[in-house]
């Protein structure tokens, strides 16, 4: 995937996915009796799901960058 396609996905795709997720959450909150009876638990799940995905992506990217940095540093130390 080239950088232009990644940028388009970032600029257009992620906000659209967010809107769909919000719409789904509002629909579930409006139509489900169990969600209305337990708003704190359902709200926590609604918030923690995208937060957990974001944390996973952030940590994976950081680990990949750290690994790349440490490999390059080892090569420089050998020379």
N, C-alpha and C. Protein backbone atom coordinates (compact mmCIF):
# COMPACT_ATOMS: atom_id res chain seq x y z
N UNK A 1 0.85 -1.17 0.00
CA UNK A 1 0.00 0.00 0.00
C UNK A 1 0.90 1.24 0.00
N UNK A 2 0.70 2.11 -0.96
CA UNK A 2 1.54 3.30 -1.05
C UNK A 2 1.07 4.36 -0.04
N UNK A 3 1.88 5.40 0.12
CA UNK A 3 1.60 6.40 1.15
C UNK A 3 0.34 7.20 0.87
N UNK A 4 -0.01 7.40 -0.40
CA UNK A 4 -1.24 8.13 -0.72
C UNK A 4 -2.48 7.37 -0.26
N UNK A 5 -2.48 6.09 -0.47
CA UNK A 5 -3.63 5.28 -0.04
C UNK A 5 -3.73 5.22 1.48
N UNK A 6 -2.59 5.13 2.15
CA UNK A 6 -2.61 5.15 3.61
C UNK A 6 -3.16 6.47 4.13
N UNK A 7 -2.77 7.57 3.49
CA UNK A 7 -3.25 8.88 3.92
C UNK A 7 -4.75 9.01 3.70
N UNK A 8 -5.24 8.52 2.56
CA UNK A 8 -6.68 8.56 2.28
C UNK A 8 -7.43 7.73 3.32
N UNK A 9 -6.91 6.56 3.66
CA UNK A 9 -7.53 5.73 4.68
C UNK A 9 -7.55 6.45 6.02
N UNK A 10 -6.48 7.10 6.36
CA UNK A 10 -6.39 7.82 7.63
C UNK A 10 -7.38 8.98 7.67
N UNK A 11 -7.43 9.76 6.60
CA UNK A 11 -8.25 10.98 6.58
C UNK A 11 -9.74 10.67 6.41
N UNK A 12 -10.08 9.70 5.59
CA UNK A 12 -11.48 9.41 5.32
C UNK A 12 -12.02 8.18 6.05
N UNK A 13 -11.22 7.15 6.12
CA UNK A 13 -11.71 5.89 6.66
C UNK A 13 -11.94 5.89 8.15
N UNK A 14 -11.00 6.41 8.90
CA UNK A 14 -11.12 6.37 10.36
C UNK A 14 -12.30 7.21 10.86
N UNK A 15 -12.51 8.44 10.37
CA UNK A 15 -13.70 9.18 10.82
C UNK A 15 -15.02 8.50 10.44
N UNK A 16 -15.06 7.88 9.27
CA UNK A 16 -16.29 7.18 8.88
C UNK A 16 -16.55 5.97 9.78
N UNK A 17 -15.50 5.25 10.12
CA UNK A 17 -15.65 4.12 11.04
C UNK A 17 -16.12 4.62 12.40
N UNK A 18 -15.59 5.77 12.84
CA UNK A 18 -16.03 6.36 14.10
C UNK A 18 -17.50 6.75 14.09
N UNK A 19 -17.95 7.33 12.98
CA UNK A 19 -19.37 7.70 12.87
C UNK A 19 -20.27 6.47 12.89
N UNK A 20 -19.84 5.42 12.20
CA UNK A 20 -20.62 4.18 12.20
C UNK A 20 -20.68 3.59 13.61
N UNK A 21 -19.56 3.62 14.32
CA UNK A 21 -19.52 3.09 15.69
C UNK A 21 -20.44 3.90 16.61
N UNK A 22 -20.41 5.22 16.48
CA UNK A 22 -21.28 6.06 17.30
C UNK A 22 -22.75 5.80 16.98
N UNK A 23 -23.06 5.68 15.71
CA UNK A 23 -24.44 5.39 15.32
C UNK A 23 -24.91 4.05 15.84
N UNK A 24 -24.03 3.07 15.78
CA UNK A 24 -24.36 1.75 16.32
C UNK A 24 -24.58 1.83 17.83
N UNK A 25 -23.72 2.57 18.52
CA UNK A 25 -23.87 2.71 19.97
C UNK A 25 -25.16 3.41 20.35
N UNK A 26 -25.50 4.47 19.65
CA UNK A 26 -26.75 5.19 19.93
C UNK A 26 -27.95 4.30 19.65
N UNK A 27 -27.89 3.54 18.56
CA UNK A 27 -28.99 2.62 18.23
C UNK A 27 -29.17 1.57 19.31
N UNK A 28 -28.07 1.00 19.77
CA UNK A 28 -28.15 -0.02 20.82
C UNK A 28 -28.67 0.59 22.12
N UNK A 29 -28.19 1.79 22.45
CA UNK A 29 -28.64 2.44 23.68
C UNK A 29 -30.12 2.81 23.63
N UNK A 30 -30.62 3.14 22.46
CA UNK A 30 -32.03 3.51 22.32
C UNK A 30 -32.95 2.30 22.26
N UNK A 31 -32.46 1.17 21.78
CA UNK A 31 -33.36 0.04 21.55
C UNK A 31 -33.25 -1.08 22.58
N UNK A 32 -32.18 -1.15 23.33
CA UNK A 32 -31.99 -2.27 24.25
C UNK A 32 -32.38 -1.88 25.67
N UNK A 33 -33.24 -2.67 26.26
CA UNK A 33 -33.67 -2.41 27.63
C UNK A 33 -32.52 -2.68 28.61
N UNK A 34 -31.75 -3.73 28.36
CA UNK A 34 -30.64 -4.08 29.26
C UNK A 34 -29.60 -2.96 29.30
N UNK A 35 -29.34 -2.33 28.18
CA UNK A 35 -28.37 -1.24 28.14
C UNK A 35 -28.90 -0.04 28.91
N UNK A 36 -30.18 0.22 28.80
CA UNK A 36 -30.78 1.35 29.54
C UNK A 36 -30.83 1.08 31.03
N UNK A 37 -30.95 -0.17 31.43
CA UNK A 37 -30.99 -0.49 32.86
C UNK A 37 -29.61 -0.46 33.50
N UNK A 38 -28.55 -0.65 32.73
CA UNK A 38 -27.18 -0.66 33.24
C UNK A 38 -26.33 0.34 32.45
N UNK A 39 -26.57 1.64 32.64
CA UNK A 39 -25.88 2.62 31.80
C UNK A 39 -24.38 2.73 32.08
N UNK A 40 -23.97 2.55 33.32
CA UNK A 40 -22.54 2.69 33.64
C UNK A 40 -21.74 1.56 33.01
N UNK A 41 -22.23 0.34 33.13
CA UNK A 41 -21.52 -0.81 32.56
C UNK A 41 -21.50 -0.73 31.03
N UNK A 42 -22.64 -0.43 30.43
CA UNK A 42 -22.68 -0.36 28.97
C UNK A 42 -21.87 0.83 28.45
N UNK A 43 -21.89 1.94 29.16
CA UNK A 43 -21.07 3.09 28.77
C UNK A 43 -19.59 2.79 28.88
N UNK A 44 -19.20 2.07 29.93
CA UNK A 44 -17.79 1.70 30.09
C UNK A 44 -17.35 0.78 28.95
N UNK A 45 -18.18 -0.17 28.59
CA UNK A 45 -17.84 -1.05 27.47
C UNK A 45 -17.76 -0.25 26.18
N UNK A 46 -18.69 0.67 25.98
CA UNK A 46 -18.73 1.49 24.77
C UNK A 46 -17.47 2.36 24.66
N UNK A 47 -16.95 2.83 25.78
CA UNK A 47 -15.74 3.66 25.78
C UNK A 47 -14.47 2.80 25.70
N UNK A 48 -14.43 1.71 26.44
CA UNK A 48 -13.21 0.91 26.53
C UNK A 48 -12.89 0.13 25.26
N UNK A 49 -13.88 -0.20 24.47
CA UNK A 49 -13.62 -0.96 23.24
C UNK A 49 -12.73 -0.20 22.27
N UNK A 50 -13.08 1.03 21.85
CA UNK A 50 -12.17 1.74 20.94
C UNK A 50 -10.86 2.15 21.62
N UNK A 51 -10.92 2.43 22.92
CA UNK A 51 -9.70 2.78 23.65
C UNK A 51 -8.72 1.62 23.65
N UNK A 52 -9.22 0.41 23.87
CA UNK A 52 -8.35 -0.77 23.87
C UNK A 52 -7.73 -1.01 22.50
N UNK A 53 -8.51 -0.82 21.46
CA UNK A 53 -7.97 -0.97 20.10
C UNK A 53 -6.89 0.06 19.84
N UNK A 54 -7.12 1.30 20.26
CA UNK A 54 -6.12 2.36 20.07
C UNK A 54 -4.84 2.07 20.84
N UNK A 55 -4.97 1.57 22.06
CA UNK A 55 -3.79 1.23 22.86
C UNK A 55 -3.00 0.12 22.19
N UNK A 56 -3.68 -0.89 21.68
CA UNK A 56 -3.01 -1.99 21.00
C UNK A 56 -2.24 -1.49 19.77
N UNK A 57 -2.88 -0.65 18.97
CA UNK A 57 -2.22 -0.11 17.78
C UNK A 57 -1.02 0.74 18.17
N UNK A 58 -1.18 1.58 19.19
CA UNK A 58 -0.10 2.47 19.63
C UNK A 58 1.10 1.66 20.14
N UNK A 59 0.85 0.67 20.96
CA UNK A 59 1.94 -0.14 21.52
C UNK A 59 2.62 -0.95 20.42
N UNK A 60 1.84 -1.50 19.50
CA UNK A 60 2.44 -2.26 18.39
C UNK A 60 3.34 -1.39 17.54
N UNK A 61 2.88 -0.18 17.22
CA UNK A 61 3.69 0.73 16.41
C UNK A 61 4.94 1.17 17.17
N UNK A 62 4.80 1.42 18.46
CA UNK A 62 5.96 1.82 19.26
C UNK A 62 6.99 0.70 19.35
N UNK A 63 6.51 -0.53 19.53
CA UNK A 63 7.43 -1.66 19.61
C UNK A 63 8.15 -1.87 18.28
N UNK A 64 7.44 -1.70 17.19
CA UNK A 64 8.06 -1.84 15.87
C UNK A 64 9.11 -0.76 15.65
N UNK A 65 8.81 0.48 16.03
CA UNK A 65 9.77 1.57 15.87
C UNK A 65 10.97 1.38 16.79
N UNK A 66 10.73 0.92 18.01
CA UNK A 66 11.83 0.69 18.95
C UNK A 66 12.74 -0.42 18.44
N UNK A 67 12.14 -1.48 17.91
CA UNK A 67 12.93 -2.59 17.38
C UNK A 67 13.78 -2.12 16.20
N UNK A 68 13.20 -1.33 15.31
CA UNK A 68 13.93 -0.81 14.17
C UNK A 68 15.06 0.10 14.63
N UNK A 69 14.80 0.94 15.62
CA UNK A 69 15.82 1.86 16.14
C UNK A 69 16.96 1.08 16.79
N UNK A 70 16.64 0.06 17.57
CA UNK A 70 17.69 -0.70 18.26
C UNK A 70 18.53 -1.51 17.27
N UNK A 71 17.92 -2.01 16.19
CA UNK A 71 18.68 -2.74 15.17
C UNK A 71 19.64 -1.80 14.47
N UNK A 72 19.17 -0.60 14.11
CA UNK A 72 20.04 0.38 13.46
C UNK A 72 21.16 0.82 14.38
N UNK A 73 20.87 0.97 15.66
CA UNK A 73 21.89 1.39 16.62
C UNK A 73 22.97 0.31 16.77
N UNK A 74 22.57 -0.96 16.78
CA UNK A 74 23.54 -2.04 16.88
C UNK A 74 24.45 -2.07 15.66
N UNK A 75 23.89 -1.81 14.48
CA UNK A 75 24.70 -1.78 13.27
C UNK A 75 25.71 -0.64 13.33
N UNK A 76 25.31 0.52 13.85
CA UNK A 76 26.22 1.65 13.96
C UNK A 76 27.32 1.37 14.98
N UNK A 77 26.98 0.68 16.06
CA UNK A 77 27.97 0.37 17.09
C UNK A 77 29.03 -0.59 16.58
N UNK A 78 28.65 -1.48 15.69
CA UNK A 78 29.61 -2.44 15.14
C UNK A 78 30.60 -1.76 14.21
N UNK A 79 30.16 -0.72 13.54
CA UNK A 79 31.05 -0.01 12.60
C UNK A 79 31.87 0.94 13.37
